[in-house]
Protein backbone atom coordinates (compact mmCIF):
# COMPACT_ATOMS: atom_id res chain seq x y z
CA MET A 1 183.07 159.27 167.04
CA ALA A 2 186.70 158.21 167.04
CA GLU A 3 185.78 154.56 167.45
CA GLU A 4 183.54 154.70 164.34
CA TYR A 5 185.74 156.76 162.01
CA PRO A 6 189.54 156.80 161.51
CA GLU A 7 191.19 159.66 163.38
CA GLY A 8 192.68 161.14 160.21
CA ASP A 9 189.21 161.51 158.68
CA ILE A 10 187.90 163.78 161.48
CA LYS A 11 188.81 167.46 161.77
CA TRP A 12 187.70 169.67 164.68
CA ILE A 13 187.46 173.42 163.99
CA HIS A 14 187.09 175.87 166.90
CA PRO A 15 186.13 173.14 169.40
CA ASN A 16 185.41 175.64 172.20
CA GLU A 17 183.09 178.06 170.35
CA ASN A 18 181.36 178.02 166.97
CA THR A 19 182.34 174.38 166.82
CA LYS A 20 182.56 172.70 163.44
CA ILE A 21 183.40 169.06 162.86
CA GLU A 22 184.43 167.84 159.44
CA LEU A 23 184.52 164.23 158.30
CA ARG A 24 186.10 162.79 155.18
CA VAL A 25 183.60 160.35 153.64
CA THR A 26 184.21 157.85 150.84
CA THR A 27 181.09 156.62 149.06
CA ASN A 28 180.49 153.16 147.62
CA ARG A 29 181.58 154.57 144.25
CA ASP A 30 184.94 155.57 145.79
CA ASN A 31 184.23 159.29 145.57
CA VAL A 32 185.61 161.34 148.45
CA TYR A 33 183.60 164.14 150.06
CA ARG A 34 184.00 166.21 153.20
CA LEU A 35 180.94 166.83 155.36
CA ARG A 36 180.82 169.64 157.93
CA VAL A 37 178.58 169.69 160.98
CA LEU A 38 177.93 173.07 162.60
CA VAL A 39 177.36 172.37 166.28
CA LEU A 40 174.94 175.00 167.50
CA GLU A 41 175.27 176.59 170.96
CA ASP A 42 172.28 174.74 172.36
CA PHE A 43 173.34 171.31 171.07
CA PRO A 44 172.11 168.66 171.70
CA ASN A 45 168.73 170.40 172.01
CA SER A 46 168.74 171.59 168.39
CA VAL A 47 169.41 169.78 165.13
CA PRO A 48 172.98 170.45 163.92
CA VAL A 49 173.53 171.87 160.44
CA LEU A 50 175.08 169.43 157.92
CA LEU A 51 176.95 170.82 154.91
CA VAL A 52 178.83 169.33 151.97
CA CYS A 53 182.08 171.33 152.07
CA GLU A 54 184.19 169.34 149.56
CA SER A 55 183.22 167.11 146.67
CA PRO A 56 184.96 165.44 143.72
CA GLN A 57 182.78 167.43 141.28
CA PRO A 58 181.07 170.78 141.74
CA MET A 59 177.80 170.35 143.63
CA PRO A 60 174.52 171.65 142.18
CA GLU A 61 173.29 175.11 143.19
CA TRP A 62 170.36 173.69 145.15
CA ASP A 63 168.58 175.74 147.79
CA GLU A 64 165.69 174.50 149.93
CA SER A 65 164.17 171.51 148.18
CA HIS A 66 162.03 168.62 149.40
CA GLU A 67 162.98 166.70 146.26
CA HIS A 68 166.70 166.99 147.03
CA HIS A 69 166.37 166.89 150.84
CA THR A 70 168.15 170.22 151.26
CA TYR A 71 167.62 173.48 153.13
CA ASP A 72 168.72 176.92 151.94
CA ARG A 73 172.46 177.04 151.36
CA LYS A 74 174.64 177.99 154.29
CA GLN A 75 178.14 179.43 153.92
CA GLY A 76 177.60 178.95 150.16
CA LEU A 77 177.37 175.17 150.66
CA ILE A 78 174.64 172.55 150.23
CA ASN A 79 172.77 172.22 153.51
CA ILE A 80 171.49 168.65 153.88
CA CYS A 81 168.13 167.92 155.51
CA HIS A 82 169.23 164.98 157.64
CA ASN A 83 166.68 164.80 160.43
CA TYR A 84 163.08 165.87 160.76
CA TYR A 85 163.25 168.51 163.51
CA ALA A 86 160.25 167.05 165.39
CA HIS A 87 162.00 163.67 165.53
CA TRP A 88 165.29 165.03 166.88
CA SER A 89 165.98 163.73 170.36
CA PRO A 90 168.83 165.07 172.49
CA GLU A 91 168.87 161.76 174.34
CA LYS A 92 169.05 159.56 171.23
CA ASN A 93 170.72 161.51 168.42
CA ARG A 94 174.48 161.96 168.29
CA ILE A 95 176.88 163.78 165.97
CA VAL A 96 177.93 160.43 164.54
CA ASP A 97 174.28 159.83 163.56
CA VAL A 98 174.27 163.14 161.68
CA PHE A 99 177.35 162.06 159.71
CA LYS A 100 175.73 158.68 158.97
CA LYS A 101 172.71 160.50 157.54
CA GLY A 102 175.11 162.62 155.49
CA ARG A 103 176.70 159.48 154.06
CA GLN A 104 173.23 158.13 153.18
CA TRP A 105 172.43 161.43 151.47
CA LEU A 106 175.67 161.27 149.44
CA GLU A 107 174.90 157.70 148.35
CA ALA A 108 171.39 158.78 147.30
CA TYR A 109 172.82 161.83 145.49
CA GLU A 110 175.24 159.69 143.49
CA SER A 111 172.59 157.06 142.75
CA SER A 112 170.22 159.78 141.60
CA LEU A 113 172.84 161.21 139.25
CA GLU A 114 173.56 157.76 137.85
CA THR A 115 169.98 156.54 137.39
CA GLY A 116 167.98 159.74 136.95
CA ARG A 117 165.62 158.68 139.73
CA SER A 118 164.56 161.15 142.39
CA MET A 119 166.55 161.21 145.61
CA ASP A 120 163.25 160.44 147.35
CA PHE A 121 163.45 156.97 145.83
CA TYR A 122 166.67 156.35 147.80
CA LEU A 123 165.85 158.37 150.93
CA ASP A 124 162.26 157.26 151.46
CA ASP A 125 161.43 157.70 155.14
CA ALA A 126 158.49 155.56 156.25
CA GLU A 127 158.09 157.61 159.45
CA VAL A 128 157.25 160.83 157.61
CA PRO A 129 154.39 160.85 155.06
CA VAL A 130 155.39 162.01 151.58
CA SER A 131 152.80 164.82 151.82
CA VAL A 132 154.77 166.34 154.71
CA ASN A 133 157.91 168.24 153.79
CA PRO A 134 160.22 167.68 156.77
CA CYS A 135 162.91 169.78 155.14
CA VAL A 136 160.91 173.01 155.48
CA PHE A 137 160.15 173.23 159.18
CA GLN A 138 163.53 173.73 160.79
């Protein structure tokens, strides 16, 4: 991760147990957020949790929502649906990929606020049919 993000933007919390990794992310609109990944005990075999833990404006009170690509809140924070659980691969997916998906989600969130279009418009995933709600099955 260090080669893809500046060292000062990454924060490790409890790296030996209940590991959390936070990343400072600046969007294309120059808004600064902090994303938090909860690394579960059986990682990389399970999909990590991705939360928005800091934002320039208060985040909406969204719970599980296909429309917003979120799961139920965790630790009082927005829990981003970043990877369809059936597509998660311990051999292919990395923590840095989770943060990249988080950045895409933030860009879609800001675009949605600006244009009024659904986040689905910006996060359309050709691999998963629209009739399937990948954000429900984790």
